[in-house]
Amino acid sequence: MFSHLFTGFPQRSFAKSLKLHVSLIGKSFSQHFYFVKFVLLGGRLFWLTLDSGKPRQRS
């Protein structure tokens, strides 16, 4: 379908590099996802400890 865009370009190596980039992006995305999850969980625990330390104002 897109072969006319890559005339004179080795298509096999392009597919290989594309697959490599996709796997790298997937890996870094999953790492960032777990990092964000960890940060959110830590922030929630931090706020919970702060809230329990001071007298409650909201129900």
PDB file of N, CA and C in Angstrom:
ATOM      1  N   MET A   1       0.835  -1.194   0.000  1.00  0.00           N
ATOM      2  CA  MET A   1       0.000   0.000   0.000  1.00  0.00           C
ATOM      3  C   MET A   1       0.876   1.252   0.000  1.00  0.00           C
ATOM      4  N   PHE A   2       1.874   1.294   0.909  1.00  0.00           N
ATOM      5  CA  PHE A   2       2.747   2.468   0.985  1.00  0.00           C
ATOM      6  C   PHE A   2       4.067   2.228   0.270  1.00  0.00           C
ATOM      7  N   SER A   3       4.116   1.197  -0.575  1.00  0.00           N
ATOM      8  CA  SER A   3       5.398   0.848  -1.196  1.00  0.00           C
ATOM      9  C   SER A   3       5.882   1.977  -2.112  1.00  0.00           C
ATOM     10  N   HIS A   4       4.975   2.768  -2.674  1.00  0.00           N
ATOM     11  CA  HIS A   4       5.396   3.843  -3.570  1.00  0.00           C
ATOM     12  C   HIS A   4       6.102   4.961  -2.804  1.00  0.00           C
ATOM     13  N   LEU A   5       5.888   5.030  -1.475  1.00  0.00           N
ATOM     14  CA  LEU A   5       6.574   6.052  -0.690  1.00  0.00           C
ATOM     15  C   LEU A   5       8.020   5.675  -0.427  1.00  0.00           C
ATOM     16  N   PHE A   6       8.301   4.372  -0.432  1.00  0.00           N
ATOM     17  CA  PHE A   6       9.629   3.912  -0.054  1.00  0.00           C
ATOM     18  C   PHE A   6      10.382   3.335  -1.247  1.00  0.00           C
ATOM     19  N   THR A   7      10.216   3.923  -2.430  1.00  0.00           N
ATOM     20  CA  THR A   7      10.955   3.434  -3.589  1.00  0.00           C
ATOM     21  C   THR A   7      12.435   3.729  -3.390  1.00  0.00           C
ATOM     22  N   GLY A   8      13.262   2.723  -3.641  1.00  0.00           N
ATOM     23  CA  GLY A   8      14.699   2.876  -3.453  1.00  0.00           C
ATOM     24  C   GLY A   8      15.106   2.695  -1.999  1.00  0.00           C
ATOM     25  N   PHE A   9      14.164   2.369  -1.149  1.00  0.00           N
ATOM     26  CA  PHE A   9      14.467   2.138   0.262  1.00  0.00           C
ATOM     27  C   PHE A   9      14.217   0.666   0.569  1.00  0.00           C
ATOM     28  N   PRO A  10      15.177  -0.030   1.173  1.00  0.00           N
ATOM     29  CA  PRO A  10      14.970  -1.453   1.488  1.00  0.00           C
ATOM     30  C   PRO A  10      13.802  -1.636   2.438  1.00  0.00           C
ATOM     31  N   GLN A  11      12.765  -2.305   1.923  1.00  0.00           N
ATOM     32  CA  GLN A  11      11.526  -2.389   2.694  1.00  0.00           C
ATOM     33  C   GLN A  11      11.655  -3.331   3.887  1.00  0.00           C
ATOM     34  N   ARG A  12      12.484  -4.363   3.746  1.00  0.00           N
ATOM     35  CA  ARG A  12      12.610  -5.344   4.828  1.00  0.00           C
ATOM     36  C   ARG A  12      13.243  -4.686   6.052  1.00  0.00           C
ATOM     37  N   SER A  13      14.319  -3.907   5.834  1.00  0.00           N
ATOM     38  CA  SER A  13      14.978  -3.255   6.961  1.00  0.00           C
ATOM     39  C   SER A  13      14.064  -2.182   7.552  1.00  0.00           C
ATOM     40  N   PHE A  14      13.265  -1.546   6.708  1.00  0.00           N
ATOM     41  CA  PHE A  14      12.324  -0.546   7.215  1.00  0.00           C
ATOM     42  C   PHE A  14      11.310  -1.203   8.145  1.00  0.00           C
ATOM     43  N   ALA A  15      10.786  -2.346   7.717  1.00  0.00           N
ATOM     44  CA  ALA A  15       9.818  -3.056   8.560  1.00  0.00           C
ATOM     45  C   ALA A  15      10.476  -3.496   9.857  1.00  0.00           C
ATOM     46  N   LYS A  16      11.729  -3.940   9.756  1.00  0.00           N
ATOM     47  CA  LYS A  16      12.432  -4.392  10.958  1.00  0.00           C
ATOM     48  C   LYS A  16      12.631  -3.229  11.928  1.00  0.00           C
ATOM     49  N   SER A  17      13.074  -2.079  11.408  1.00  0.00           N
ATOM     50  CA  SER A  17      13.303  -0.931  12.275  1.00  0.00           C
ATOM     51  C   SER A  17      11.984  -0.408  12.846  1.00  0.00           C
ATOM     52  N   LEU A  18      10.925  -0.472  12.037  1.00  0.00           N
ATOM     53  CA  LEU A  18       9.619  -0.038  12.524  1.00  0.00           C
ATOM     54  C   LEU A  18       9.163  -0.932  13.679  1.00  0.00           C
ATOM     55  N   LYS A  19       9.363  -2.245  13.509  1.00  0.00           N
ATOM     56  CA  LYS A  19       8.978  -3.183  14.563  1.00  0.00           C
ATOM     57  C   LYS A  19       9.799  -2.921  15.823  1.00  0.00           C
ATOM     58  N   LEU A  20      11.092  -2.639  15.634  1.00  0.00           N
ATOM     59  CA  LEU A  20      11.967  -2.364  16.767  1.00  0.00           C
ATOM     60  C   LEU A  20      11.512  -1.104  17.494  1.00  0.00           C
ATOM     61  N   HIS A  21      11.195  -0.053  16.733  1.00  0.00           N
ATOM     62  CA  HIS A  21      10.739   1.191  17.346  1.00  0.00           C
ATOM     63  C   HIS A  21       9.440   0.987  18.116  1.00  0.00           C
ATOM     64  N   VAL A  22       8.521   0.217  17.511  1.00  0.00           N
ATOM     65  CA  VAL A  22       7.234  -0.027  18.174  1.00  0.00           C
ATOM     66  C   VAL A  22       7.442  -0.774  19.486  1.00  0.00           C
ATOM     67  N   SER A  23       8.338  -1.773  19.480  1.00  0.00           N
ATOM     68  CA  SER A  23       8.579  -2.532  20.708  1.00  0.00           C
ATOM     69  C   SER A  23       9.250  -1.655  21.754  1.00  0.00           C
ATOM     70  N   LEU A  24      10.174  -0.788  21.316  1.00  0.00           N
ATOM     71  CA  LEU A  24      10.837   0.117  22.256  1.00  0.00           C
ATOM     72  C   LEU A  24       9.840   1.098  22.855  1.00  0.00           C
ATOM     73  N   ILE A  25       8.962   1.649  21.999  1.00  0.00           N
ATOM     74  CA  ILE A  25       7.948   2.580  22.486  1.00  0.00           C
ATOM     75  C   ILE A  25       7.009   1.880  23.461  1.00  0.00           C
ATOM     76  N   GLY A  26       6.644   0.644  23.135  1.00  0.00           N
ATOM     77  CA  GLY A  26       5.771  -0.118  24.024  1.00  0.00           C
ATOM     78  C   GLY A  26       6.426  -0.359  25.367  1.00  0.00           C
ATOM     79  N   LYS A  27       7.721  -0.704  25.348  1.00  0.00           N
ATOM     80  CA  LYS A  27       8.437  -0.956  26.602  1.00  0.00           C
ATOM     81  C   LYS A  27       8.490   0.310  27.440  1.00  0.00           C
ATOM     82  N   SER A  28       8.911   1.414  26.826  1.00  0.00           N
ATOM     83  CA  SER A  28       9.036   2.658  27.590  1.00  0.00           C
ATOM     84  C   SER A  28       7.676   3.134  28.067  1.00  0.00           C
ATOM     85  N   PHE A  29       6.623   2.898  27.255  1.00  0.00           N
ATOM     86  CA  PHE A  29       5.286   3.314  27.667  1.00  0.00           C
ATOM     87  C   PHE A  29       4.834   2.528  28.889  1.00  0.00           C
ATOM     88  N   SER A  30       5.093   1.203  28.890  1.00  0.00           N
ATOM     89  CA  SER A  30       4.680   0.394  30.040  1.00  0.00           C
ATOM     90  C   SER A  30       5.468   0.806  31.275  1.00  0.00           C
ATOM     91  N   GLN A  31       6.764   1.118  31.090  1.00  0.00           N
ATOM     92  CA  GLN A  31       7.564   1.563  32.233  1.00  0.00           C
ATOM     93  C   GLN A  31       7.020   2.882  32.769  1.00  0.00           C
ATOM     94  N   HIS A  32       6.709   3.827  31.872  1.00  0.00           N
ATOM     95  CA  HIS A  32       6.158   5.107  32.314  1.00  0.00           C
ATOM     96  C   HIS A  32       4.807   4.911  32.985  1.00  0.00           C
ATOM     97  N   PHE A  33       4.010   3.968  32.467  1.00  0.00           N
ATOM     98  CA  PHE A  33       2.693   3.714  33.034  1.00  0.00           C
ATOM     99  C   PHE A  33       2.834   3.227  34.475  1.00  0.00           C
ATOM    100  N   TYR A  34       3.756   2.273  34.696  1.00  0.00           N
ATOM    101  CA  TYR A  34       3.949   1.768  36.059  1.00  0.00           C
ATOM    102  C   TYR A  34       4.517   2.860  36.959  1.00  0.00           C
ATOM    103  N   PHE A  35       5.399   3.696  36.412  1.00  0.00           N
ATOM    104  CA  PHE A  35       5.973   4.783  37.196  1.00  0.00           C
ATOM    105  C   PHE A  35       4.884   5.769  37.612  1.00  0.00           C
ATOM    106  N   VAL A  36       4.013   6.146  36.677  1.00  0.00           N
ATOM    107  CA  VAL A  36       2.921   7.073  36.991  1.00  0.00           C
ATOM    108  C   VAL A  36       1.974   6.447  38.010  1.00  0.00           C
ATOM    109  N   LYS A  37       1.688   5.153  37.847  1.00  0.00           N
ATOM    110  CA  LYS A  37       0.828   4.452  38.791  1.00  0.00           C
ATOM    111  C   LYS A  37       1.441   4.475  40.191  1.00  0.00           C
ATOM    112  N   PHE A  38       2.753   4.211  40.247  1.00  0.00           N
ATOM    113  CA  PHE A  38       3.467   4.200  41.521  1.00  0.00           C
ATOM    114  C   PHE A  38       3.431   5.585  42.164  1.00  0.00           C
ATOM    115  N   VAL A  39       3.667   6.630  41.354  1.00  0.00           N
ATOM    116  CA  VAL A  39       3.659   8.002  41.876  1.00  0.00           C
ATOM    117  C   VAL A  39       2.272   8.370  42.385  1.00  0.00           C
ATOM    118  N   LEU A  40       1.235   8.005  41.623  1.00  0.00           N
ATOM    119  CA  LEU A  40      -0.129   8.317  42.053  1.00  0.00           C
ATOM    120  C   LEU A  40      -0.469   7.592  43.347  1.00  0.00           C
ATOM    121  N   LEU A  41      -0.060   6.333  43.437  1.00  0.00           N
ATOM    122  CA  LEU A  41      -0.330   5.558  44.651  1.00  0.00           C
ATOM    123  C   LEU A  41       0.414   6.166  45.840  1.00  0.00           C
ATOM    124  N   GLY A  42       1.683   6.535  45.635  1.00  0.00           N
ATOM    125  CA  GLY A  42       2.457   7.151  46.707  1.00  0.00           C
ATOM    126  C   GLY A  42       1.847   8.487  47.136  1.00  0.00           C
ATOM    127  N   GLY A  43       1.401   9.276  46.153  1.00  0.00           N
ATOM    128  CA  GLY A  43       0.783  10.558  46.476  1.00  0.00           C
ATOM    129  C   GLY A  43      -0.510  10.376  47.259  1.00  0.00           C
ATOM    130  N   ARG A  44      -1.280   9.366  46.879  1.00  0.00           N
ATOM    131  CA  ARG A  44      -2.538   9.106  47.585  1.00  0.00           C
ATOM    132  C   ARG A  44      -2.261   8.682  49.027  1.00  0.00           C
ATOM    133  N   LEU A  45      -1.285   7.795  49.223  1.00  0.00           N
ATOM    134  CA  LEU A  45      -0.920   7.369  50.577  1.00  0.00           C
ATOM    135  C   LEU A  45      -0.402   8.560  51.382  1.00  0.00           C
ATOM    136  N   PHE A  46       0.395   9.423  50.726  1.00  0.00           N
ATOM    137  CA  PHE A  46       0.937  10.600  51.391  1.00  0.00           C
ATOM    138  C   PHE A  46      -0.183  11.521  51.860  1.00  0.00           C
ATOM    139  N   TRP A  47      -1.164  11.767  50.961  1.00  0.00           N
ATOM    140  CA  TRP A  47      -2.281  12.627  51.327  1.00  0.00           C
ATOM    141  C   TRP A  47      -3.136  11.987  52.423  1.00  0.00           C
ATOM    142  N   LEU A  48      -3.274  10.657  52.377  1.00  0.00           N
ATOM    143  CA  LEU A  48      -4.043   9.967  53.409  1.00  0.00           C
ATOM    144  C   LEU A  48      -3.374  10.129  54.765  1.00  0.00           C
ATOM    145  N   THR A  49      -2.055   9.999  54.824  1.00  0.00           N
ATOM    146  CA  THR A  49      -1.351  10.161  56.102  1.00  0.00           C
ATOM    147  C   THR A  49      -1.453  11.608  56.572  1.00  0.00           C
ATOM    148  N   LEU A  50      -1.391  12.572  55.645  1.00  0.00           N
ATOM    149  CA  LEU A  50      -1.536  13.977  56.027  1.00  0.00           C
ATOM    150  C   LEU A  50      -2.943  14.222  56.576  1.00  0.00           C
ATOM    151  N   ASP A  51      -3.945  13.652  55.894  1.00  0.00           N
ATOM    152  CA  ASP A  51      -5.326  13.845  56.325  1.00  0.00           C
ATOM    153  C   ASP A  51      -5.567  13.223  57.688  1.00  0.00           C
ATOM    154  N   SER A  52      -4.997  12.042  57.934  1.00  0.00           N
ATOM    155  CA  SER A  52      -5.220  11.398  59.227  1.00  0.00           C
ATOM    156  C   SER A  52      -4.446  12.119  60.321  1.00  0.00           C
ATOM    157  N   GLY A  53      -3.373  12.850  59.963  1.00  0.00           N
ATOM    158  CA  GLY A  53      -2.583  13.563  60.964  1.00  0.00           C
ATOM    159  C   GLY A  53      -3.303  14.797  61.492  1.00  0.00           C
ATOM    160  N   LYS A  54      -4.094  15.450  60.665  1.00  0.00           N
ATOM    161  CA  LYS A  54      -4.782  16.663  61.103  1.00  0.00           C
ATOM    162  C   LYS A  54      -6.269  16.373  61.302  1.00  0.00           C
ATOM    163  N   PRO A  55      -6.970  17.177  62.076  1.00  0.00           N
ATOM    164  CA  PRO A  55      -8.405  16.955  62.300  1.00  0.00           C
ATOM    165  C   PRO A  55      -9.183  17.052  60.983  1.00  0.00           C
ATOM    166  N   ARG A  56     -10.144  16.148  60.819  1.00  0.00           N
ATOM    167  CA  ARG A  56     -10.903  16.107  59.568  1.00  0.00           C
ATOM    168  C   ARG A  56     -11.861  17.294  59.472  1.00  0.00           C
ATOM    169  N   GLN A  57     -11.901  17.881  58.260  1.00  0.00           N
ATOM    170  CA  GLN A  57     -12.803  18.999  58.023  1.00  0.00           C
ATOM    171  C   GLN A  57     -13.930  18.596  57.079  1.00  0.00           C
ATOM    172  N   ARG A  58     -13.598  17.727  56.104  1.00  0.00           N
ATOM    173  CA  ARG A  58     -14.652  17.296  55.181  1.00  0.00           C
ATOM    174  C   ARG A  58     -15.127  15.909  55.554  1.00  0.00           C
ATOM    175  N   SER A  59     -16.371  15.635  55.323  1.00  0.00           N
ATOM    176  CA  SER A  59     -16.954  14.356  55.715  1.00  0.00           C
ATOM    177  C   SER A  59     -16.416  13.236  54.839  1.00  0.00           C
TER     178      SER A  59
END
